[in-house]
Amino acid sequence: MDLERLGTDLLAGDRRALARAITLVESGRADHRAEALALLARVAGAGRQALRIGLSGTPGVGKSSFIEAFGMMLTGQGLRVAVLAVDPSSTRSGGSILGDKTRMDRLAREPLAFIRPSPSQTQLGGVARRTREAVALCEAAGYDIVLIETVGVGQSETMVAGMSDLFVLLIAPAGGDELQGVKRGIMEAADLILVNKADGALRETAQRTCADYAGALRLMRPRPQDPAGFPRAMCVSALEGTGLPEAWAAMRALADWRAGAGVTAAARAGQARLWFEEEVRAGLLARLLADPAMRARVAAAGDEVAAGRPASEAAAAVLAGLYGLGGRGR
């Protein structure tokens, strides 16, 4: 692969080059990984940054419909929008449908937009392992907004907050009450809660749900990284487009305040450290399992656990043997 040409085309904003670059960083081959790291180093010097918006919500809440309507509104303002959508992978076959472009057919045809679906594979937390690197590539390609759509798994899906500037949570009408709103986890990580489908027969229900969450947010402890009035709950309709300009204005206001207060720079530095540590852990595990002797040791310990040996004891024996500390087990 001609990495110099690929990097040049990527920095020029070529969408095909961006697609090829993301494919390269997502590859599991060792030679591709070396090329991906070289490419990331090549484009990092551009110093471009986008507003990173993480978007989560339960399946069926209308994430794809919202992203299409929201993205069309942004491109109508002349902004370049990249969408990184993470699809769940089958635990049986390992495959993913990757059908987000079909759901966002209008946005997929928009010249100022780029949509890339990726499989979650074995990664937990609602994002793929290389999503952060894909974000960096989208920024290098000159996109103004990067939307990161998660798998949509529920309360534990907070990993996207560790790679975004703003974390938006979509809620369905009648999706909960004040008790649901004050639950820890994804609720307290959200910067903006948007009650979608506030149209037609569900309009009043959506307004009541929004009021419930607004009341719940007032009970939560204020966060130092937020100005007054945030986090907040708002009603939107991806079908009618209502509430989208107001939601975008709220996002911009929060993003501008955080940038001016130095919160964004500090958060990005912390996120970089977090993902460095995650990469080290994943790399160590991959290297260990690539060793035939270690694979055999883990397999033998797994057989013992299946036969009734305590899992914690077997794991301790494997680790003790790894570090040459002796211990039970082979």
C-alpha atoms as a PDB file:
ATOM      1  CA  MET A   1       0.000   0.000   0.000  1.00  0.00           C
ATOM      2  CA  ASP A   2       1.265   3.486  -0.908  1.00  0.00           C
ATOM      3  CA  LEU A   3       0.928   5.115   2.516  1.00  0.00           C
ATOM      4  CA  GLU A   4       2.289   8.449   1.315  1.00  0.00           C
ATOM      5  CA  ARG A   5      -0.389   8.717  -1.366  1.00  0.00           C
ATOM      6  CA  LEU A   6      -3.090   7.487   0.989  1.00  0.00           C
ATOM      7  CA  GLY A   7      -2.097  10.062   3.597  1.00  0.00           C
ATOM      8  CA  THR A   8      -2.063  12.857   1.015  1.00  0.00           C
ATOM      9  CA  ASP A   9      -5.497  11.917  -0.315  1.00  0.00           C
ATOM     10  CA  LEU A  10      -6.854  11.600   3.215  1.00  0.00           C
ATOM     11  CA  LEU A  11      -5.639  15.067   4.211  1.00  0.00           C
ATOM     12  CA  ALA A  12      -7.249  16.400   1.026  1.00  0.00           C
ATOM     13  CA  GLY A  13     -10.607  15.132   2.270  1.00  0.00           C
ATOM     14  CA  ASP A  14     -11.034  12.254  -0.169  1.00  0.00           C
ATOM     15  CA  ARG A  15     -13.808   9.990   1.123  1.00  0.00           C
ATOM     16  CA  ARG A  16     -12.476   6.870  -0.590  1.00  0.00           C
ATOM     17  CA  ALA A  17      -9.098   7.416   1.025  1.00  0.00           C
ATOM     18  CA  LEU A  18     -10.809   7.821   4.407  1.00  0.00           C
ATOM     19  CA  ALA A  19     -12.708   4.564   3.911  1.00  0.00           C
ATOM     20  CA  ARG A  20      -9.492   2.730   2.969  1.00  0.00           C
ATOM     21  CA  ALA A  21      -7.660   4.210   5.945  1.00  0.00           C
ATOM     22  CA  ILE A  22     -10.346   3.061   8.396  1.00  0.00           C
ATOM     23  CA  THR A  23     -10.281  -0.405   6.849  1.00  0.00           C
ATOM     24  CA  LEU A  24      -6.528  -0.455   7.402  1.00  0.00           C
ATOM     25  CA  VAL A  25      -6.698   0.518  11.106  1.00  0.00           C
ATOM     26  CA  GLU A  26      -9.477  -2.024  11.725  1.00  0.00           C
ATOM     27  CA  SER A  27      -7.478  -4.890  10.218  1.00  0.00           C
ATOM     28  CA  GLY A  28      -6.159  -7.521  12.602  1.00  0.00           C
ATOM     29  CA  ARG A  29      -3.125  -8.424  10.481  1.00  0.00           C
ATOM     30  CA  ALA A  30       0.257  -7.585  12.003  1.00  0.00           C
ATOM     31  CA  ASP A  31       1.624  -6.044   8.788  1.00  0.00           C
ATOM     32  CA  HIS A  32      -1.514  -3.934   8.398  1.00  0.00           C
ATOM     33  CA  ARG A  33      -1.173  -2.774  12.004  1.00  0.00           C
ATOM     34  CA  ALA A  34       2.328  -1.485  11.327  1.00  0.00           C
ATOM     35  CA  GLU A  35       1.075   0.372   8.252  1.00  0.00           C
ATOM     36  CA  ALA A  36      -1.882   1.779  10.226  1.00  0.00           C
ATOM     37  CA  LEU A  37       0.412   3.192  12.908  1.00  0.00           C
ATOM     38  CA  ALA A  38       2.597   4.770  10.229  1.00  0.00           C
ATOM     39  CA  LEU A  39      -0.455   6.331   8.586  1.00  0.00           C
ATOM     40  CA  LEU A  40      -1.771   7.699  11.881  1.00  0.00           C
ATOM     41  CA  ALA A  41       1.615   9.269  12.583  1.00  0.00           C
ATOM     42  CA  ARG A  42       1.665  10.709   9.056  1.00  0.00           C
ATOM     43  CA  VAL A  43      -1.677  12.534   9.395  1.00  0.00           C
ATOM     44  CA  ALA A  44      -1.384  13.508  13.065  1.00  0.00           C
ATOM     45  CA  GLY A  45       0.772  16.486  12.162  1.00  0.00           C
ATOM     46  CA  ALA A  46      -2.169  18.223  10.497  1.00  0.00           C
ATOM     47  CA  GLY A  47      -3.471  19.108  13.962  1.00  0.00           C
ATOM     48  CA  ARG A  48      -7.096  19.158  12.842  1.00  0.00           C
ATOM     49  CA  GLN A  49      -9.866  18.733  15.390  1.00  0.00           C
ATOM     50  CA  ALA A  50     -13.588  18.158  15.086  1.00  0.00           C
ATOM     51  CA  LEU A  51     -16.428  18.336  17.565  1.00  0.00           C
ATOM     52  CA  ARG A  52     -16.824  14.737  18.716  1.00  0.00           C
ATOM     53  CA  ILE A  53     -20.392  13.831  19.689  1.00  0.00           C
ATOM     54  CA  GLY A  54     -21.148  10.414  21.170  1.00  0.00           C
ATOM     55  CA  LEU A  55     -24.708   9.215  20.700  1.00  0.00           C
ATOM     56  CA  SER A  56     -26.308   6.336  22.557  1.00  0.00           C
ATOM     57  CA  GLY A  57     -29.725   4.943  23.333  1.00  0.00           C
ATOM     58  CA  THR A  58     -31.636   1.707  23.526  1.00  0.00           C
ATOM     59  CA  PRO A  59     -32.389  -0.219  20.299  1.00  0.00           C
ATOM     60  CA  GLY A  60     -35.475   1.155  18.581  1.00  0.00           C
ATOM     61  CA  VAL A  61     -35.201   4.651  20.036  1.00  0.00           C
ATOM     62  CA  GLY A  62     -34.494   6.078  16.592  1.00  0.00           C
ATOM     63  CA  LYS A  63     -30.732   6.701  16.664  1.00  0.00           C
ATOM     64  CA  SER A  64     -30.280   6.253  12.917  1.00  0.00           C
ATOM     65  CA  SER A  65     -33.327   8.392  12.100  1.00  0.00           C
ATOM     66  CA  PHE A  66     -32.094  11.110  14.433  1.00  0.00           C
ATOM     67  CA  ILE A  67     -28.563  11.047  13.000  1.00  0.00           C
ATOM     68  CA  GLU A  68     -29.880  11.330   9.440  1.00  0.00           C
ATOM     69  CA  ALA A  69     -32.166  14.277  10.249  1.00  0.00           C
ATOM     70  CA  PHE A  70     -29.529  15.931  12.432  1.00  0.00           C
ATOM     71  CA  GLY A  71     -26.759  15.304   9.886  1.00  0.00           C
ATOM     72  CA  MET A  72     -28.836  16.716   7.024  1.00  0.00           C
ATOM     73  CA  MET A  73     -29.465  19.839   9.093  1.00  0.00           C
ATOM     74  CA  LEU A  74     -25.719  20.246   9.745  1.00  0.00           C
ATOM     75  CA  THR A  75     -24.669  19.663   6.142  1.00  0.00           C
ATOM     76  CA  GLY A  76     -27.328  22.190   5.140  1.00  0.00           C
ATOM     77  CA  GLN A  77     -25.296  24.691   7.164  1.00  0.00           C
ATOM     78  CA  GLY A  78     -22.164  23.811   5.180  1.00  0.00           C
ATOM     79  CA  LEU A  79     -20.631  21.572   7.871  1.00  0.00           C
ATOM     80  CA  ARG A  80     -18.873  18.320   6.994  1.00  0.00           C
ATOM     81  CA  VAL A  81     -20.261  15.446   9.062  1.00  0.00           C
ATOM     82  CA  ALA A  82     -18.722  12.006   9.631  1.00  0.00           C
ATOM     83  CA  VAL A  83     -20.809   9.225  11.184  1.00  0.00           C
ATOM     84  CA  LEU A  84     -19.089   6.248  12.802  1.00  0.00           C
ATOM     85  CA  ALA A  85     -21.795   3.685  13.503  1.00  0.00           C
ATOM     86  CA  VAL A  86     -20.998   0.576  15.542  1.00  0.00           C
ATOM     87  CA  ASP A  87     -23.100  -2.496  14.785  1.00  0.00           C
ATOM     88  CA  PRO A  88     -23.410  -5.432  17.190  1.00  0.00           C
ATOM     89  CA  SER A  89     -21.562  -8.585  16.163  1.00  0.00           C
ATOM     90  CA  SER A  90     -23.083 -12.029  16.420  1.00  0.00           C
ATOM     91  CA  THR A  91     -21.778 -14.101  19.317  1.00  0.00           C
ATOM     92  CA  ARG A  92     -22.231 -17.191  17.122  1.00  0.00           C
ATOM     93  CA  SER A  93     -20.870 -16.258  13.700  1.00  0.00           C
ATOM     94  CA  GLY A  94     -18.989 -13.054  14.566  1.00  0.00           C
ATOM     95  CA  GLY A  95     -20.709 -11.267  11.673  1.00  0.00           C
ATOM     96  CA  SER A  96     -22.500  -7.918  11.583  1.00  0.00           C
ATOM     97  CA  ILE A  97     -25.204  -6.587   9.269  1.00  0.00           C
ATOM     98  CA  LEU A  98     -23.628  -3.105   8.916  1.00  0.00           C
ATOM     99  CA  GLY A  99     -26.873  -1.681   7.570  1.00  0.00           C
ATOM    100  CA  ASP A 100     -26.681   1.910   8.791  1.00  0.00           C
ATOM    101  CA  LYS A 101     -26.121   3.329   5.305  1.00  0.00           C
ATOM    102  CA  THR A 102     -29.411   1.732   4.270  1.00  0.00           C
ATOM    103  CA  ARG A 103     -31.184   3.415   7.177  1.00  0.00           C
ATOM    104  CA  MET A 104     -29.544   6.762   6.396  1.00  0.00           C
ATOM    105  CA  ASP A 105     -29.971   6.714   2.624  1.00  0.00           C
ATOM    106  CA  ARG A 106     -30.385  10.498   2.258  1.00  0.00           C
ATOM    107  CA  LEU A 107     -27.356  11.317   4.398  1.00  0.00           C
ATOM    108  CA  ALA A 108     -25.318   8.603   2.630  1.00  0.00           C
ATOM    109  CA  ARG A 109     -25.826  10.468  -0.668  1.00  0.00           C
ATOM    110  CA  GLU A 110     -24.875  13.843   0.814  1.00  0.00           C
ATOM    111  CA  PRO A 111     -21.439  14.999  -0.495  1.00  0.00           C
ATOM    112  CA  LEU A 112     -20.585  16.678   2.827  1.00  0.00           C
ATOM    113  CA  ALA A 113     -21.281  13.513   4.843  1.00  0.00           C
ATOM    114  CA  PHE A 114     -19.386  10.278   5.401  1.00  0.00           C
ATOM    115  CA  ILE A 115     -20.932   7.190   7.016  1.00  0.00           C
ATOM    116  CA  ARG A 116     -18.861   4.246   8.177  1.00  0.00           C
ATOM    117  CA  PRO A 117     -20.458   1.245   9.916  1.00  0.00           C
ATOM    118  CA  SER A 118     -18.072  -0.989  11.867  1.00  0.00           C
ATOM    119  CA  PRO A 119     -18.568  -4.272  13.757  1.00  0.00           C
ATOM    120  CA  SER A 120     -18.255  -4.239  17.529  1.00  0.00           C
ATOM    121  CA  GLN A 121     -16.621  -7.704  17.409  1.00  0.00           C
ATOM    122  CA  THR A 122     -15.656  -8.679  20.971  1.00  0.00           C
ATOM    123  CA  GLN A 123     -15.404  -5.112  22.260  1.00  0.00           C
ATOM    124  CA  LEU A 124     -17.751  -4.221  25.123  1.00  0.00           C
ATOM    125  CA  GLY A 125     -19.106  -0.779  25.998  1.00  0.00           C
ATOM    126  CA  GLY A 126     -20.937  -0.072  22.730  1.00  0.00           C
ATOM    127  CA  VAL A 127     -17.981   0.905  20.526  1.00  0.00           C
ATOM    128  CA  ALA A 128     -15.432  -0.926  18.398  1.00  0.00           C
ATOM    129  CA  ARG A 129     -11.794  -1.257  19.458  1.00  0.00           C
ATOM    130  CA  ARG A 130     -10.501   1.034  16.703  1.00  0.00           C
ATOM    131  CA  THR A 131     -13.267   3.649  16.857  1.00  0.00           C
ATOM    132  CA  ARG A 132     -10.955   6.169  18.495  1.00  0.00           C
ATOM    133  CA  GLU A 133      -8.447   5.828  15.661  1.00  0.00           C
ATOM    134  CA  ALA A 134     -11.262   6.154  13.121  1.00  0.00           C
ATOM    135  CA  VAL A 135     -12.223   9.431  14.820  1.00  0.00           C
ATOM    136  CA  ALA A 136      -8.650  10.684  14.391  1.00  0.00           C
ATOM    137  CA  LEU A 137      -8.748   9.798  10.683  1.00  0.00           C
ATOM    138  CA  CYS A 138     -12.055  11.637  10.205  1.00  0.00           C
ATOM    139  CA  GLU A 139     -10.551  14.702  11.855  1.00  0.00           C
ATOM    140  CA  ALA A 140      -7.494  14.486   9.603  1.00  0.00           C
ATOM    141  CA  ALA A 141      -9.823  14.363   6.591  1.00  0.00           C
ATOM    142  CA  GLY A 142     -11.247  17.728   7.619  1.00  0.00           C
ATOM    143  CA  TYR A 143     -14.662  16.813   8.985  1.00  0.00           C
ATOM    144  CA  ASP A 144     -16.182  19.392  11.324  1.00  0.00           C
ATOM    145  CA  ILE A 145     -18.459  17.049  13.279  1.00  0.00           C
ATOM    146  CA  VAL A 146     -17.845  13.383  14.117  1.00  0.00           C
ATOM    147  CA  LEU A 147     -20.932  11.513  15.345  1.00  0.00           C
ATOM    148  CA  ILE A 148     -20.192   8.224  17.105  1.00  0.00           C
ATOM    149  CA  GLU A 149     -23.292   6.022  17.228  1.00  0.00           C
ATOM    150  CA  THR A 150     -22.981   3.168  19.705  1.00  0.00           C
ATOM    151  CA  VAL A 151     -24.453  -0.310  19.589  1.00  0.00           C
ATOM    152  CA  GLY A 152     -27.223   0.606  22.021  1.00  0.00           C
ATOM    153  CA  VAL A 153     -27.045  -1.772  24.960  1.00  0.00           C
ATOM    154  CA  GLY A 154     -28.341   0.164  27.942  1.00  0.00           C
ATOM    155  CA  GLN A 155     -27.095   1.455  31.276  1.00  0.00           C
ATOM    156  CA  SER A 156     -23.488   0.225  31.027  1.00  0.00           C
ATOM    157  CA  GLU A 157     -22.754   1.778  27.640  1.00  0.00           C
ATOM    158  CA  THR A 158     -20.500   4.638  28.727  1.00  0.00           C
ATOM    159  CA  MET A 159     -17.253   3.920  26.868  1.00  0.00           C
ATOM    160  CA  VAL A 160     -18.203   6.357  24.114  1.00  0.00           C
ATOM    161  CA  ALA A 161     -18.059   9.156  26.694  1.00  0.00           C
ATOM    162  CA  GLY A 162     -14.324   8.427  26.898  1.00  0.00           C
ATOM    163  CA  MET A 163     -13.754   9.392  23.253  1.00  0.00           C
ATOM    164  CA  SER A 164     -16.182  12.271  22.708  1.00  0.00           C
ATOM    165  CA  ASP A 165     -16.524  15.929  23.657  1.00  0.00           C
ATOM    166  CA  LEU A 166     -20.279  15.686  24.155  1.00  0.00           C
ATOM    167  CA  PHE A 167     -22.324  12.638  25.102  1.00  0.00           C
ATOM    168  CA  VAL A 168     -25.949  12.659  23.939  1.00  0.00           C
ATOM    169  CA  LEU A 169     -28.448  10.093  25.171  1.00  0.00           C
ATOM    170  CA  LEU A 170     -31.617   9.390  23.182  1.00  0.00           C
ATOM    171  CA  ILE A 171     -34.698   8.321  25.131  1.00  0.00           C
ATOM    172  CA  ALA A 172     -37.999   6.979  23.810  1.00  0.00           C
ATOM    173  CA  PRO A 173     -41.319   8.415  25.040  1.00  0.00           C
ATOM    174  CA  ALA A 174     -42.472   6.633  28.204  1.00  0.00           C
ATOM    175  CA  GLY A 175     -38.934   5.257  28.475  1.00  0.00           C
ATOM    176  CA  GLY A 176     -38.688   5.787  32.208  1.00  0.00           C
ATOM    177  CA  ASP A 177     -39.548   7.929  35.209  1.00  0.00           C
ATOM    178  CA  GLU A 178     -37.579  10.028  37.676  1.00  0.00           C
ATOM    179  CA  LEU A 179     -36.215   6.930  39.384  1.00  0.00           C
ATOM    180  CA  GLN A 180     -34.864   5.686  36.050  1.00  0.00           C
ATOM    181  CA  GLY A 181     -33.414   9.127  35.460  1.00  0.00           C
ATOM    182  CA  VAL A 182     -31.332   9.208  38.637  1.00  0.00           C
ATOM    183  CA  LYS A 183     -29.840   5.734  38.130  1.00  0.00           C
ATOM    184  CA  ARG A 184     -26.075   5.796  37.956  1.00  0.00           C
ATOM    185  CA  GLY A 185     -24.224   4.780  34.841  1.00  0.00           C
ATOM    186  CA  ILE A 186     -25.177   6.093  31.447  1.00  0.00           C
ATOM    187  CA  MET A 187     -27.603   8.702  32.817  1.00  0.00           C
ATOM    188  CA  GLU A 188     -25.008  10.567  34.843  1.00  0.00           C
ATOM    189  CA  ALA A 189     -22.548  10.442  31.944  1.00  0.00           C
ATOM    190  CA  ALA A 190     -24.950  12.161  29.521  1.00  0.00           C
ATOM    191  CA  ASP A 191     -24.523  15.848  28.725  1.00  0.00           C
ATOM    192  CA  LEU A 192     -27.819  16.096  26.884  1.00  0.00           C
ATOM    193  CA  ILE A 193     -30.868  13.838  27.105  1.00  0.00           C
ATOM    194  CA  LEU A 194     -33.065  14.000  24.010  1.00  0.00           C
ATOM    195  CA  VAL A 195     -36.534  12.458  24.087  1.00  0.00           C
ATOM    196  CA  ASN A 196     -37.077  11.403  20.468  1.00  0.00           C
ATOM    197  CA  LYS A 197     -40.352  10.740  18.598  1.00  0.00           C
ATOM    198  CA  ALA A 198     -42.015  13.837  20.087  1.00  0.00           C
ATOM    199  CA  ASP A 199     -44.581  13.942  17.293  1.00  0.00           C
ATOM    200  CA  GLY A 200     -48.098  12.770  16.497  1.00  0.00           C
ATOM    201  CA  ALA A 201     -49.818  10.711  19.173  1.00  0.00           C
ATOM    202  CA  LEU A 202     -46.579  10.453  21.165  1.00  0.00           C
ATOM    203  CA  ARG A 203     -46.028  14.207  21.490  1.00  0.00           C
ATOM    204  CA  GLU A 204     -47.648  14.602  24.918  1.00  0.00           C
ATOM    205  CA  THR A 205     -46.067  11.392  26.195  1.00  0.00           C
ATOM    206  CA  ALA A 206     -42.663  12.635  25.070  1.00  0.00           C
ATOM    207  CA  GLN A 207     -43.195  15.944  26.844  1.00  0.00           C
ATOM    208  CA  ARG A 208     -44.097  14.163  30.080  1.00  0.00           C
ATOM    209  CA  THR A 209     -41.037  11.914  29.754  1.00  0.00           C
ATOM    210  CA  CYS A 210     -38.850  14.953  29.149  1.00  0.00           C
ATOM    211  CA  ALA A 211     -40.280  16.610  32.280  1.00  0.00           C
ATOM    212  CA  ASP A 212     -39.537  13.461  34.303  1.00  0.00           C
ATOM    213  CA  TYR A 213     -35.904  13.433  33.224  1.00  0.00           C
ATOM    214  CA  ALA A 214     -35.536  17.178  33.689  1.00  0.00           C
ATOM    215  CA  GLY A 215     -36.732  16.738  37.268  1.00  0.00           C
ATOM    216  CA  ALA A 216     -34.339  13.844  37.796  1.00  0.00           C
ATOM    217  CA  LEU A 217     -31.386  15.875  36.507  1.00  0.00           C
ATOM    218  CA  ARG A 218     -32.113  18.600  39.037  1.00  0.00           C
ATOM    219  CA  LEU A 219     -31.638  16.017  41.798  1.00  0.00           C
ATOM    220  CA  MET A 220     -28.190  15.014  40.603  1.00  0.00           C
ATOM    221  CA  ARG A 221     -25.010  16.599  41.931  1.00  0.00           C
ATOM    222  CA  PRO A 222     -23.707  19.418  39.685  1.00  0.00           C
ATOM    223  CA  ARG A 223     -20.639  18.542  37.633  1.00  0.00           C
ATOM    224  CA  PRO A 224     -17.636  20.909  37.607  1.00  0.00           C
ATOM    225  CA  GLN A 225     -17.225  20.545  33.837  1.00  0.00           C
ATOM    226  CA  ASP A 226     -20.705  21.954  33.136  1.00  0.00           C
ATOM    227  CA  PRO A 227     -22.105  25.500  33.125  1.00  0.00           C
ATOM    228  CA  ALA A 228     -25.461  26.295  34.684  1.00  0.00           C
ATOM    229  CA  GLY A 229     -28.338  24.510  32.997  1.00  0.00           C
ATOM    230  CA  PHE A 230     -26.439  21.373  32.001  1.00  0.00           C
ATOM    231  CA  PRO A 231     -27.021  18.535  31.682  1.00  0.00           C
ATOM    232  CA  ARG A 232     -30.515  19.141  30.356  1.00  0.00           C
ATOM    233  CA  ALA A 233     -33.403  17.217  28.783  1.00  0.00           C
ATOM    234  CA  MET A 234     -35.106  18.280  25.556  1.00  0.00           C
ATOM    235  CA  CYS A 235     -37.746  16.952  23.152  1.00  0.00           C
ATOM    236  CA  VAL A 236     -36.920  16.302  19.491  1.00  0.00           C
ATOM    237  CA  SER A 237     -38.568  14.679  16.509  1.00  0.00           C
ATOM    238  CA  ALA A 238     -36.361  13.094  13.859  1.00  0.00           C
ATOM    239  CA  LEU A 239     -39.495  12.594  11.721  1.00  0.00           C
ATOM    240  CA  GLU A 240     -40.607  16.237  11.713  1.00  0.00           C
ATOM    241  CA  GLY A 241     -37.246  17.847  12.413  1.00  0.00           C
ATOM    242  CA  THR A 242     -38.622  19.792  15.366  1.00  0.00           C
ATOM    243  CA  GLY A 243     -36.296  20.475  18.260  1.00  0.00           C
ATOM    244  CA  LEU A 244     -33.153  19.748  16.227  1.00  0.00           C
ATOM    245  CA  PRO A 245     -32.003  23.393  15.898  1.00  0.00           C
ATOM    246  CA  GLU A 246     -32.537  23.890  19.634  1.00  0.00           C
ATOM    247  CA  ALA A 247     -30.609  20.703  20.438  1.00  0.00           C
ATOM    248  CA  TRP A 248     -27.731  21.812  18.185  1.00  0.00           C
ATOM    249  CA  ALA A 249     -27.700  25.248  19.826  1.00  0.00           C
ATOM    250  CA  ALA A 250     -27.446  23.560  23.250  1.00  0.00           C
ATOM    251  CA  MET A 251     -24.584  21.361  22.044  1.00  0.00           C
ATOM    252  CA  ARG A 252     -22.724  24.346  20.635  1.00  0.00           C
ATOM    253  CA  ALA A 253     -23.235  26.361  23.808  1.00  0.00           C
ATOM    254  CA  LEU A 254     -21.875  23.564  25.979  1.00  0.00           C
ATOM    255  CA  ALA A 255     -18.972  22.820  23.633  1.00  0.00           C
ATOM    256  CA  ASP A 256     -17.998  26.505  23.420  1.00  0.00           C
ATOM    257  CA  TRP A 257     -18.133  26.922  27.195  1.00  0.00           C
ATOM    258  CA  ARG A 258     -15.993  23.841  27.794  1.00  0.00           C
ATOM    259  CA  ALA A 259     -13.459  24.915  25.171  1.00  0.00           C
ATOM    260  CA  GLY A 260     -13.182  28.370  26.693  1.00  0.00           C
ATOM    261  CA  ALA A 261     -12.834  26.990  30.229  1.00  0.00           C
ATOM    262  CA  GLY A 262     -10.111  24.529  29.220  1.00  0.00           C
ATOM    263  CA  VAL A 263     -12.360  21.565  30.044  1.00  0.00           C
ATOM    264  CA  THR A 264     -12.211  20.063  26.541  1.00  0.00           C
ATOM    265  CA  ALA A 265      -8.409  20.105  26.353  1.00  0.00           C
ATOM    266  CA  ALA A 266      -8.099  18.508  29.803  1.00  0.00           C
ATOM    267  CA  ALA A 267     -10.744  15.895  28.960  1.00  0.00           C
ATOM    268  CA  ARG A 268      -9.033  14.948  25.702  1.00  0.00           C
ATOM    269  CA  ALA A 269      -5.720  14.555  27.502  1.00  0.00           C
ATOM    270  CA  GLY A 270      -7.355  12.254  30.033  1.00  0.00           C
ATOM    271  CA  GLN A 271      -9.071  10.297  27.263  1.00  0.00           C
ATOM    272  CA  ALA A 272      -5.749   9.824  25.471  1.00  0.00           C
ATOM    273  CA  ARG A 273      -4.215   8.391  28.641  1.00  0.00           C
ATOM    274  CA  LEU A 274      -7.220   6.106  29.153  1.00  0.00           C
ATOM    275  CA  TRP A 275      -7.023   4.695  25.643  1.00  0.00           C
ATOM    276  CA  PHE A 276      -3.257   4.304  25.875  1.00  0.00           C
ATOM    277  CA  GLU A 277      -3.744   2.104  28.935  1.00  0.00           C
ATOM    278  CA  GLU A 278      -6.511   0.182  27.180  1.00  0.00           C
ATOM    279  CA  GLU A 279      -4.275  -0.398  24.159  1.00  0.00           C
ATOM    280  CA  VAL A 280      -1.465  -1.671  26.389  1.00  0.00           C
ATOM    281  CA  ARG A 281      -3.822  -4.135  28.099  1.00  0.00           C
ATOM    282  CA  ALA A 282      -5.244  -5.374  24.802  1.00  0.00           C
ATOM    283  CA  GLY A 283      -1.756  -5.692  23.291  1.00  0.00           C
ATOM    284  CA  LEU A 284      -0.411  -7.661  26.233  1.00  0.00           C
ATOM    285  CA  LEU A 285      -3.357 -10.034  26.126  1.00  0.00           C
ATOM    286  CA  ALA A 286      -2.985 -10.550  22.376  1.00  0.00           C
ATOM    287  CA  ARG A 287       0.736 -11.243  22.724  1.00  0.00           C
ATOM    288  CA  LEU A 288       0.171 -13.728  25.539  1.00  0.00           C
ATOM    289  CA  LEU A 289      -2.484 -15.647  23.633  1.00  0.00           C
ATOM    290  CA  ALA A 290      -0.267 -15.719  20.550  1.00  0.00           C
ATOM    291  CA  ASP A 291       2.220 -17.892  22.462  1.00  0.00           C
ATOM    292  CA  PRO A 292       1.386 -21.610  21.945  1.00  0.00           C
ATOM    293  CA  ALA A 293       2.590 -22.562  25.431  1.00  0.00           C
ATOM    294  CA  MET A 294       0.405 -19.903  27.046  1.00  0.00           C
ATOM    295  CA  ARG A 295      -2.611 -20.948  24.968  1.00  0.00           C
ATOM    296  CA  ALA A 296      -2.093 -24.518  26.117  1.00  0.00           C
ATOM    297  CA  ARG A 297      -1.772 -23.387  29.749  1.00  0.00           C
ATOM    298  CA  VAL A 298      -4.975 -21.353  29.537  1.00  0.00           C
ATOM    299  CA  ALA A 299      -6.821 -24.203  27.804  1.00  0.00           C
ATOM    300  CA  ALA A 300      -5.732 -26.692  30.476  1.00  0.00           C
ATOM    301  CA  ALA A 301      -6.796 -24.335  33.258  1.00  0.00           C
ATOM    302  CA  GLY A 302     -10.122 -23.823  31.503  1.00  0.00           C
ATOM    303  CA  ASP A 303     -10.696 -27.575  31.469  1.00  0.00           C
ATOM    304  CA  GLU A 304      -9.989 -27.682  35.194  1.00  0.00           C
ATOM    305  CA  VAL A 305     -12.490 -24.888  35.833  1.00  0.00           C
ATOM    306  CA  ALA A 306     -15.103 -26.723  33.774  1.00  0.00           C
ATOM    307  CA  ALA A 307     -14.429 -29.784  35.951  1.00  0.00           C
ATOM    308  CA  GLY A 308     -15.103 -27.806  39.131  1.00  0.00           C
ATOM    309  CA  ARG A 309     -11.908 -25.985  40.090  1.00  0.00           C
ATOM    310  CA  PRO A 310     -12.582 -22.406  41.323  1.00  0.00           C
ATOM    311  CA  ALA A 311     -12.027 -19.945  38.474  1.00  0.00           C
ATOM    312  CA  SER A 312     -10.134 -17.451  40.633  1.00  0.00           C
ATOM    313  CA  GLU A 313      -7.711 -20.164  41.794  1.00  0.00           C
ATOM    314  CA  ALA A 314      -7.072 -21.354  38.241  1.00  0.00           C
ATOM    315  CA  ALA A 315      -6.512 -17.794  37.010  1.00  0.00           C
ATOM    316  CA  ALA A 316      -4.060 -17.130  39.851  1.00  0.00           C
ATOM    317  CA  ALA A 317      -2.143 -20.305  38.950  1.00  0.00           C
ATOM    318  CA  VAL A 318      -1.875 -19.260  35.290  1.00  0.00           C
ATOM    319  CA  LEU A 319      -0.593 -15.812  36.226  1.00  0.00           C
ATOM    320  CA  ALA A 320       1.819 -17.220  38.803  1.00  0.00           C
ATOM    321  CA  GLY A 321       3.273 -19.535  36.206  1.00  0.00           C
ATOM    322  CA  LEU A 322       3.517 -16.657  33.742  1.00  0.00           C
ATOM    323  CA  TYR A 323       5.649 -14.599  36.099  1.00  0.00           C
ATOM    324  CA  GLY A 324       7.741 -17.567  37.225  1.00  0.00           C
ATOM    325  CA  LEU A 325       6.305 -17.544  40.726  1.00  0.00           C
ATOM    326  CA  GLY A 326       5.469 -21.214  40.840  1.00  0.00           C
ATOM    327  CA  GLY A 327       2.030 -22.211  42.038  1.00  0.00           C
ATOM    328  CA  ARG A 328      -0.377 -24.934  41.312  1.00  0.00           C
ATOM    329  CA  GLY A 329      -1.338 -25.797  37.790  1.00  0.00           C
ATOM    330  CA  ARG A 330       0.531 -26.548  34.595  1.00  0.00           C
END
